[in-house]
Amino acid sequence: MTHLAFEDPQGRLQSYSVWGEGVDSLLPKTDAVAFMRHDKQPLIVDWQKVIDVVGGLMEEVDIYPLRFRVRTFPSDEQLARLN
């Protein structure tokens, strides 16, 4: 997975990676993470908040550039804390 970009409400260009439900992924470190669930709107969350709430689900992989393996999607409770 590479990263994508979006313009935030202040007009700044921000990068994000996608953490998809049911998808084993290697996420690059980006400004934000978009959590994608089936039939739901994406939830875009600042990288540091992702680390604070669900960092335990992310396994740092010793490759360059730095990636984080995610195998388990956050629970509904964790997603509520991210929102």
PDB file of N, CA and C in Angstrom:
ATOM      1  N   MET A   1       0.840  -1.181   0.000  1.00  0.00           N
ATOM      2  CA  MET A   1       0.000   0.000   0.000  1.00  0.00           C
ATOM      3  C   MET A   1       0.882   1.239   0.000  1.00  0.00           C
ATOM      4  N   THR A   2       0.607   2.119  -0.904  1.00  0.00           N
ATOM      5  CA  THR A   2       1.257   3.425  -0.876  1.00  0.00           C
ATOM      6  C   THR A   2       0.379   4.362  -0.079  1.00  0.00           C
ATOM      7  N   HIS A   3       0.677   5.613  -0.114  1.00  0.00           N
ATOM      8  CA  HIS A   3      -0.178   6.544   0.597  1.00  0.00           C
ATOM      9  C   HIS A   3      -0.859   7.480  -0.389  1.00  0.00           C
ATOM     10  N   LEU A   4      -1.921   8.104   0.073  1.00  0.00           N
ATOM     11  CA  LEU A   4      -2.712   9.023  -0.724  1.00  0.00           C
ATOM     12  C   LEU A   4      -2.687  10.383  -0.046  1.00  0.00           C
ATOM     13  N   ALA A   5      -3.284  11.375  -0.677  1.00  0.00           N
ATOM     14  CA  ALA A   5      -3.290  12.708  -0.101  1.00  0.00           C
ATOM     15  C   ALA A   5      -4.690  13.306  -0.142  1.00  0.00           C
ATOM     16  N   PHE A   6      -4.932  14.229   0.798  1.00  0.00           N
ATOM     17  CA  PHE A   6      -6.180  14.982   0.826  1.00  0.00           C
ATOM     18  C   PHE A   6      -5.887  16.384   1.345  1.00  0.00           C
ATOM     19  N   GLU A   7      -6.800  17.290   1.090  1.00  0.00           N
ATOM     20  CA  GLU A   7      -6.662  18.652   1.592  1.00  0.00           C
ATOM     21  C   GLU A   7      -7.520  18.794   2.841  1.00  0.00           C
ATOM     22  N   ASP A   8      -6.904  19.210   3.942  1.00  0.00           N
ATOM     23  CA  ASP A   8      -7.660  19.350   5.187  1.00  0.00           C
ATOM     24  C   ASP A   8      -8.471  20.657   5.165  1.00  0.00           C
ATOM     25  N   PRO A   9      -9.322  20.875   6.172  1.00  0.00           N
ATOM     26  CA  PRO A   9     -10.164  22.079   6.181  1.00  0.00           C
ATOM     27  C   PRO A   9      -9.374  23.398   6.148  1.00  0.00           C
ATOM     28  N   GLN A  10      -8.112  23.377   6.563  1.00  0.00           N
ATOM     29  CA  GLN A  10      -7.276  24.577   6.533  1.00  0.00           C
ATOM     30  C   GLN A  10      -6.547  24.739   5.194  1.00  0.00           C
ATOM     31  N   GLY A  11      -6.797  23.823   4.254  1.00  0.00           N
ATOM     32  CA  GLY A  11      -6.176  23.916   2.932  1.00  0.00           C
ATOM     33  C   GLY A  11      -4.797  23.289   2.834  1.00  0.00           C
ATOM     34  N   ARG A  12      -4.378  22.570   3.877  1.00  0.00           N
ATOM     35  CA  ARG A  12      -3.062  21.915   3.860  1.00  0.00           C
ATOM     36  C   ARG A  12      -3.185  20.536   3.229  1.00  0.00           C
ATOM     37  N   LEU A  13      -2.171  20.155   2.470  1.00  0.00           N
ATOM     38  CA  LEU A  13      -2.131  18.823   1.886  1.00  0.00           C
ATOM     39  C   LEU A  13      -1.645  17.845   2.943  1.00  0.00           C
ATOM     40  N   GLN A  14      -2.404  16.780   3.182  1.00  0.00           N
ATOM     41  CA  GLN A  14      -2.091  15.775   4.195  1.00  0.00           C
ATOM     42  C   GLN A  14      -2.029  14.393   3.532  1.00  0.00           C
ATOM     43  N   SER A  15      -1.131  13.539   4.015  1.00  0.00           N
ATOM     44  CA  SER A  15      -1.044  12.170   3.499  1.00  0.00           C
ATOM     45  C   SER A  15      -1.833  11.237   4.412  1.00  0.00           C
ATOM     46  N   TYR A  16      -2.346  10.166   3.828  1.00  0.00           N
ATOM     47  CA  TYR A  16      -3.008   9.152   4.642  1.00  0.00           C
ATOM     48  C   TYR A  16      -2.804   7.782   4.039  1.00  0.00           C
ATOM     49  N   SER A  17      -2.840   6.777   4.906  1.00  0.00           N
ATOM     50  CA  SER A  17      -2.807   5.384   4.487  1.00  0.00           C
ATOM     51  C   SER A  17      -4.171   4.780   4.824  1.00  0.00           C
ATOM     52  N   VAL A  18      -4.450   3.620   4.248  1.00  0.00           N
ATOM     53  CA  VAL A  18      -5.769   3.006   4.412  1.00  0.00           C
ATOM     54  C   VAL A  18      -5.644   1.706   5.194  1.00  0.00           C
ATOM     55  N   TRP A  19      -6.411   1.622   6.286  1.00  0.00           N
ATOM     56  CA  TRP A  19      -6.500   0.420   7.106  1.00  0.00           C
ATOM     57  C   TRP A  19      -7.878  -0.155   6.826  1.00  0.00           C
ATOM     58  N   GLY A  20      -7.923  -1.201   6.019  1.00  0.00           N
ATOM     59  CA  GLY A  20      -9.187  -1.782   5.599  1.00  0.00           C
ATOM     60  C   GLY A  20      -9.618  -2.945   6.478  1.00  0.00           C
ATOM     61  N   GLU A  21     -10.908  -3.006   6.725  1.00  0.00           N
ATOM     62  CA  GLU A  21     -11.474  -4.096   7.520  1.00  0.00           C
ATOM     63  C   GLU A  21     -11.236  -5.424   6.797  1.00  0.00           C
ATOM     64  N   GLY A  22     -10.652  -6.392   7.499  1.00  0.00           N
ATOM     65  CA  GLY A  22     -10.416  -7.713   6.931  1.00  0.00           C
ATOM     66  C   GLY A  22      -9.221  -7.804   6.005  1.00  0.00           C
ATOM     67  N   VAL A  23      -8.355  -6.776   5.998  1.00  0.00           N
ATOM     68  CA  VAL A  23      -7.207  -6.748   5.087  1.00  0.00           C
ATOM     69  C   VAL A  23      -5.909  -6.714   5.891  1.00  0.00           C
ATOM     70  N   ASP A  24      -5.025  -7.681   5.654  1.00  0.00           N
ATOM     71  CA  ASP A  24      -3.686  -7.696   6.241  1.00  0.00           C
ATOM     72  C   ASP A  24      -2.859  -6.700   5.428  1.00  0.00           C
ATOM     73  N   SER A  25      -2.374  -5.642   6.066  1.00  0.00           N
ATOM     74  CA  SER A  25      -1.710  -4.563   5.331  1.00  0.00           C
ATOM     75  C   SER A  25      -0.398  -4.144   5.979  1.00  0.00           C
ATOM     76  N   LEU A  26       0.434  -3.501   5.174  1.00  0.00           N
ATOM     77  CA  LEU A  26       1.644  -2.845   5.650  1.00  0.00           C
ATOM     78  C   LEU A  26       1.438  -1.349   5.449  1.00  0.00           C
ATOM     79  N   LEU A  27       1.166  -0.640   6.536  1.00  0.00           N
ATOM     80  CA  LEU A  27       0.875   0.785   6.449  1.00  0.00           C
ATOM     81  C   LEU A  27       2.156   1.605   6.545  1.00  0.00           C
ATOM     82  N   PRO A  28       2.348   2.563   5.630  1.00  0.00           N
ATOM     83  CA  PRO A  28       3.453   3.509   5.810  1.00  0.00           C
ATOM     84  C   PRO A  28       3.056   4.542   6.850  1.00  0.00           C
ATOM     85  N   LYS A  29       4.029   5.189   7.452  1.00  0.00           N
ATOM     86  CA  LYS A  29       3.733   6.269   8.398  1.00  0.00           C
ATOM     87  C   LYS A  29       3.283   7.481   7.585  1.00  0.00           C
ATOM     88  N   THR A  30       2.086   7.956   7.872  1.00  0.00           N
ATOM     89  CA  THR A  30       1.491   9.080   7.162  1.00  0.00           C
ATOM     90  C   THR A  30       0.927  10.076   8.172  1.00  0.00           C
ATOM     91  N   ASP A  31       0.394  11.178   7.676  1.00  0.00           N
ATOM     92  CA  ASP A  31      -0.205  12.168   8.569  1.00  0.00           C
ATOM     93  C   ASP A  31      -1.459  11.633   9.252  1.00  0.00           C
ATOM     94  N   ALA A  32      -2.181  10.769   8.552  1.00  0.00           N
ATOM     95  CA  ALA A  32      -3.450  10.244   9.060  1.00  0.00           C
ATOM     96  C   ALA A  32      -3.667   8.829   8.536  1.00  0.00           C
ATOM     97  N   VAL A  33      -4.658   8.158   9.113  1.00  0.00           N
ATOM     98  CA  VAL A  33      -5.064   6.819   8.667  1.00  0.00           C
ATOM     99  C   VAL A  33      -6.558   6.869   8.374  1.00  0.00           C
ATOM    100  N   ALA A  34      -6.951   6.298   7.240  1.00  0.00           N
ATOM    101  CA  ALA A  34      -8.365   6.176   6.890  1.00  0.00           C
ATOM    102  C   ALA A  34      -8.798   4.750   7.209  1.00  0.00           C
ATOM    103  N   PHE A  35      -9.736   4.605   8.145  1.00  0.00           N
ATOM    104  CA  PHE A  35     -10.276   3.297   8.507  1.00  0.00           C
ATOM    105  C   PHE A  35     -11.467   3.031   7.601  1.00  0.00           C
ATOM    106  N   MET A  36     -11.379   1.951   6.813  1.00  0.00           N
ATOM    107  CA  MET A  36     -12.406   1.636   5.828  1.00  0.00           C
ATOM    108  C   MET A  36     -13.145   0.368   6.244  1.00  0.00           C
ATOM    109  N   ARG A  37     -14.463   0.517   6.469  1.00  0.00           N
ATOM    110  CA  ARG A  37     -15.317  -0.622   6.793  1.00  0.00           C
ATOM    111  C   ARG A  37     -16.336  -0.798   5.676  1.00  0.00           C
ATOM    112  N   HIS A  38     -16.797  -2.025   5.517  1.00  0.00           N
ATOM    113  CA  HIS A  38     -17.788  -2.335   4.502  1.00  0.00           C
ATOM    114  C   HIS A  38     -19.045  -1.499   4.716  1.00  0.00           C
ATOM    115  N   ASP A  39     -19.522  -0.851   3.675  1.00  0.00           N
ATOM    116  CA  ASP A  39     -20.778  -0.091   3.695  1.00  0.00           C
ATOM    117  C   ASP A  39     -20.813   1.034   4.715  1.00  0.00           C
ATOM    118  N   LYS A  40     -19.666   1.603   5.080  1.00  0.00           N
ATOM    119  CA  LYS A  40     -19.621   2.724   6.026  1.00  0.00           C
ATOM    120  C   LYS A  40     -18.719   3.808   5.446  1.00  0.00           C
ATOM    121  N   GLN A  41     -18.916   5.030   5.907  1.00  0.00           N
ATOM    122  CA  GLN A  41     -18.036   6.124   5.512  1.00  0.00           C
ATOM    123  C   GLN A  41     -16.660   5.905   6.146  1.00  0.00           C
ATOM    124  N   PRO A  42     -15.581   6.291   5.447  1.00  0.00           N
ATOM    125  CA  PRO A  42     -14.253   6.162   6.056  1.00  0.00           C
ATOM    126  C   PRO A  42     -14.122   7.088   7.266  1.00  0.00           C
ATOM    127  N   LEU A  43     -13.353   6.646   8.218  1.00  0.00           N
ATOM    128  CA  LEU A  43     -13.028   7.439   9.399  1.00  0.00           C
ATOM    129  C   LEU A  43     -11.558   7.817   9.268  1.00  0.00           C
ATOM    130  N   ILE A  44     -11.263   9.104   9.116  1.00  0.00           N
ATOM    131  CA  ILE A  44      -9.884   9.564   8.947  1.00  0.00           C
ATOM    132  C   ILE A  44      -9.407  10.152  10.267  1.00  0.00           C
ATOM    133  N   VAL A  45      -8.287   9.600  10.761  1.00  0.00           N
ATOM    134  CA  VAL A  45      -7.794   9.926  12.103  1.00  0.00           C
ATOM    135  C   VAL A  45      -6.318  10.285  12.032  1.00  0.00           C
ATOM    136  N   ASP A  46      -5.930  11.310  12.784  1.00  0.00           N
ATOM    137  CA  ASP A  46      -4.545  11.738  12.887  1.00  0.00           C
ATOM    138  C   ASP A  46      -3.653  10.575  13.345  1.00  0.00           C
ATOM    139  N   TRP A  47      -2.460  10.476  12.751  1.00  0.00           N
ATOM    140  CA  TRP A  47      -1.537   9.361  13.037  1.00  0.00           C
ATOM    141  C   TRP A  47      -1.280   9.192  14.531  1.00  0.00           C
ATOM    142  N   GLN A  48      -0.990  10.273  15.242  1.00  0.00           N
ATOM    143  CA  GLN A  48      -0.654  10.141  16.660  1.00  0.00           C
ATOM    144  C   GLN A  48      -1.826   9.591  17.464  1.00  0.00           C
ATOM    145  N   LYS A  49      -3.033   9.992  17.144  1.00  0.00           N
ATOM    146  CA  LYS A  49      -4.202   9.456  17.850  1.00  0.00           C
ATOM    147  C   LYS A  49      -4.356   7.964  17.557  1.00  0.00           C
ATOM    148  N   VAL A  50      -4.076   7.555  16.320  1.00  0.00           N
ATOM    149  CA  VAL A  50      -4.116   6.129  15.968  1.00  0.00           C
ATOM    150  C   VAL A  50      -3.130   5.360  16.840  1.00  0.00           C
ATOM    151  N   ILE A  51      -1.914   5.869  16.965  1.00  0.00           N
ATOM    152  CA  ILE A  51      -0.900   5.216  17.806  1.00  0.00           C
ATOM    153  C   ILE A  51      -1.386   5.134  19.250  1.00  0.00           C
ATOM    154  N   ASP A  52      -1.958   6.233  19.756  1.00  0.00           N
ATOM    155  CA  ASP A  52      -2.404   6.281  21.147  1.00  0.00           C
ATOM    156  C   ASP A  52      -3.532   5.289  21.437  1.00  0.00           C
ATOM    157  N   VAL A  53      -4.444   5.104  20.493  1.00  0.00           N
ATOM    158  CA  VAL A  53      -5.630   4.280  20.740  1.00  0.00           C
ATOM    159  C   VAL A  53      -5.448   2.831  20.295  1.00  0.00           C
ATOM    160  N   VAL A  54      -4.872   2.611  19.120  1.00  0.00           N
ATOM    161  CA  VAL A  54      -4.785   1.235  18.590  1.00  0.00           C
ATOM    162  C   VAL A  54      -3.359   0.846  18.197  1.00  0.00           C
ATOM    163  N   GLY A  55      -2.390   1.541  18.749  1.00  0.00           N
ATOM    164  CA  GLY A  55      -0.998   1.218  18.444  1.00  0.00           C
ATOM    165  C   GLY A  55      -0.633  -0.223  18.762  1.00  0.00           C
ATOM    166  N   GLY A  56      -1.325  -0.826  19.723  1.00  0.00           N
ATOM    167  CA  GLY A  56      -1.063  -2.221  20.072  1.00  0.00           C
ATOM    168  C   GLY A  56      -1.439  -3.198  18.966  1.00  0.00           C
ATOM    169  N   LEU A  57      -2.231  -2.756  17.999  1.00  0.00           N
ATOM    170  CA  LEU A  57      -2.605  -3.610  16.864  1.00  0.00           C
ATOM    171  C   LEU A  57      -1.619  -3.474  15.708  1.00  0.00           C
ATOM    172  N   MET A  58      -0.651  -2.568  15.859  1.00  0.00           N
ATOM    173  CA  MET A  58       0.309  -2.264  14.790  1.00  0.00           C
ATOM    174  C   MET A  58       1.668  -2.843  15.139  1.00  0.00           C
ATOM    175  N   GLU A  59       2.221  -3.611  14.221  1.00  0.00           N
ATOM    176  CA  GLU A  59       3.533  -4.234  14.426  1.00  0.00           C
ATOM    177  C   GLU A  59       4.543  -3.560  13.502  1.00  0.00           C
ATOM    178  N   GLU A  60       5.537  -2.889  14.087  1.00  0.00           N
ATOM    179  CA  GLU A  60       6.561  -2.236  13.279  1.00  0.00           C
ATOM    180  C   GLU A  60       7.367  -3.295  12.540  1.00  0.00           C
ATOM    181  N   VAL A  61       7.524  -3.117  11.243  1.00  0.00           N
ATOM    182  CA  VAL A  61       8.250  -4.069  10.405  1.00  0.00           C
ATOM    183  C   VAL A  61       9.605  -3.462  10.059  1.00  0.00           C
ATOM    184  N   ASP A  62      10.651  -4.256  10.183  1.00  0.00           N
ATOM    185  CA  ASP A  62      12.019  -3.780   9.969  1.00  0.00           C
ATOM    186  C   ASP A  62      12.339  -3.742   8.480  1.00  0.00           C
ATOM    187  N   ILE A  63      11.728  -2.798   7.769  1.00  0.00           N
ATOM    188  CA  ILE A  63      12.011  -2.583   6.348  1.00  0.00           C
ATOM    189  C   ILE A  63      12.101  -1.080   6.107  1.00  0.00           C
ATOM    190  N   TYR A  64      12.638  -0.715   4.947  1.00  0.00           N
ATOM    191  CA  TYR A  64      12.699   0.690   4.570  1.00  0.00           C
ATOM    192  C   TYR A  64      11.920   0.878   3.292  1.00  0.00           C
ATOM    193  N   PRO A  65      11.066   1.873   3.202  1.00  0.00           N
ATOM    194  CA  PRO A  65      10.713   2.785   4.284  1.00  0.00           C
ATOM    195  C   PRO A  65       9.901   2.074   5.361  1.00  0.00           C
ATOM    196  N   LEU A  66       9.878   2.664   6.540  1.00  0.00           N
ATOM    197  CA  LEU A  66       9.216   2.084   7.701  1.00  0.00           C
ATOM    198  C   LEU A  66       7.753   1.764   7.401  1.00  0.00           C
ATOM    199  N   ARG A  67       7.329   0.573   7.794  1.00  0.00           N
ATOM    200  CA  ARG A  67       5.929   0.144   7.633  1.00  0.00           C
ATOM    201  C   ARG A  67       5.454  -0.485   8.934  1.00  0.00           C
ATOM    202  N   PHE A  68       4.134  -0.517   9.076  1.00  0.00           N
ATOM    203  CA  PHE A  68       3.496  -1.128  10.232  1.00  0.00           C
ATOM    204  C   PHE A  68       2.496  -2.163   9.745  1.00  0.00           C
ATOM    205  N   ARG A  69       2.680  -3.421  10.159  1.00  0.00           N
ATOM    206  CA  ARG A  69       1.750  -4.480   9.753  1.00  0.00           C
ATOM    207  C   ARG A  69       0.515  -4.412  10.627  1.00  0.00           C
ATOM    208  N   VAL A  70      -0.638  -4.449   9.977  1.00  0.00           N
ATOM    209  CA  VAL A  70      -1.922  -4.512  10.678  1.00  0.00           C
ATOM    210  C   VAL A  70      -2.661  -5.732  10.157  1.00  0.00           C
ATOM    211  N   ARG A  71      -3.046  -6.592  11.073  1.00  0.00           N
ATOM    212  CA  ARG A  71      -3.745  -7.832  10.716  1.00  0.00           C
ATOM    213  C   ARG A  71      -5.159  -7.857  11.276  1.00  0.00           C
ATOM    214  N   THR A  72      -5.388  -7.081  12.337  1.00  0.00           N
ATOM    215  CA  THR A  72      -6.673  -7.053  13.030  1.00  0.00           C
ATOM    216  C   THR A  72      -7.254  -5.655  12.934  1.00  0.00           C
ATOM    217  N   PHE A  73      -8.519  -5.556  12.561  1.00  0.00           N
ATOM    218  CA  PHE A  73      -9.192  -4.267  12.480  1.00  0.00           C
ATOM    219  C   PHE A  73      -9.635  -3.856  13.885  1.00  0.00           C
ATOM    220  N   PRO A  74      -9.589  -2.568  14.192  1.00  0.00           N
ATOM    221  CA  PRO A  74     -10.024  -2.120  15.518  1.00  0.00           C
ATOM    222  C   PRO A  74     -11.475  -2.515  15.817  1.00  0.00           C
ATOM    223  N   SER A  75     -11.751  -2.736  17.087  1.00  0.00           N
ATOM    224  CA  SER A  75     -13.106  -3.069  17.536  1.00  0.00           C
ATOM    225  C   SER A  75     -13.997  -1.827  17.425  1.00  0.00           C
ATOM    226  N   ASP A  76     -15.300  -2.029  17.555  1.00  0.00           N
ATOM    227  CA  ASP A  76     -16.240  -0.898  17.549  1.00  0.00           C
ATOM    228  C   ASP A  76     -15.912   0.077  18.672  1.00  0.00           C
ATOM    229  N   GLU A  77     -15.543  -0.437  19.829  1.00  0.00           N
ATOM    230  CA  GLU A  77     -15.194   0.425  20.970  1.00  0.00           C
ATOM    231  C   GLU A  77     -13.949   1.260  20.648  1.00  0.00           C
ATOM    232  N   GLN A  78     -12.952   0.631  20.049  1.00  0.00           N
ATOM    233  CA  GLN A  78     -11.741   1.372  19.673  1.00  0.00           C
ATOM    234  C   GLN A  78     -12.047   2.420  18.602  1.00  0.00           C
ATOM    235  N   LEU A  79     -12.881   2.063  17.636  1.00  0.00           N
ATOM    236  CA  LEU A  79     -13.254   3.035  16.606  1.00  0.00           C
ATOM    237  C   LEU A  79     -14.005   4.212  17.208  1.00  0.00           C
ATOM    238  N   ALA A  80     -14.843   3.958  18.196  1.00  0.00           N
ATOM    239  CA  ALA A  80     -15.562   5.044  18.868  1.00  0.00           C
ATOM    240  C   ALA A  80     -14.568   5.972  19.571  1.00  0.00           C
ATOM    241  N   ARG A  81     -13.520   5.418  20.150  1.00  0.00           N
ATOM    242  CA  ARG A  81     -12.499   6.235  20.805  1.00  0.00           C
ATOM    243  C   ARG A  81     -11.686   7.041  19.798  1.00  0.00           C
ATOM    244  N   LEU A  82     -11.563   6.526  18.571  1.00  0.00           N
ATOM    245  CA  LEU A  82     -10.836   7.239  17.525  1.00  0.00           C
ATOM    246  C   LEU A  82     -11.655   8.384  16.941  1.00  0.00           C
ATOM    247  N   ASN A  83     -12.964   8.257  17.011  1.00  0.00           N
ATOM    248  CA  ASN A  83     -13.850   9.234  16.379  1.00  0.00           C
ATOM    249  C   ASN A  83     -13.908  10.549  17.101  1.00  0.00           C
TER     250      ASN A  83
END
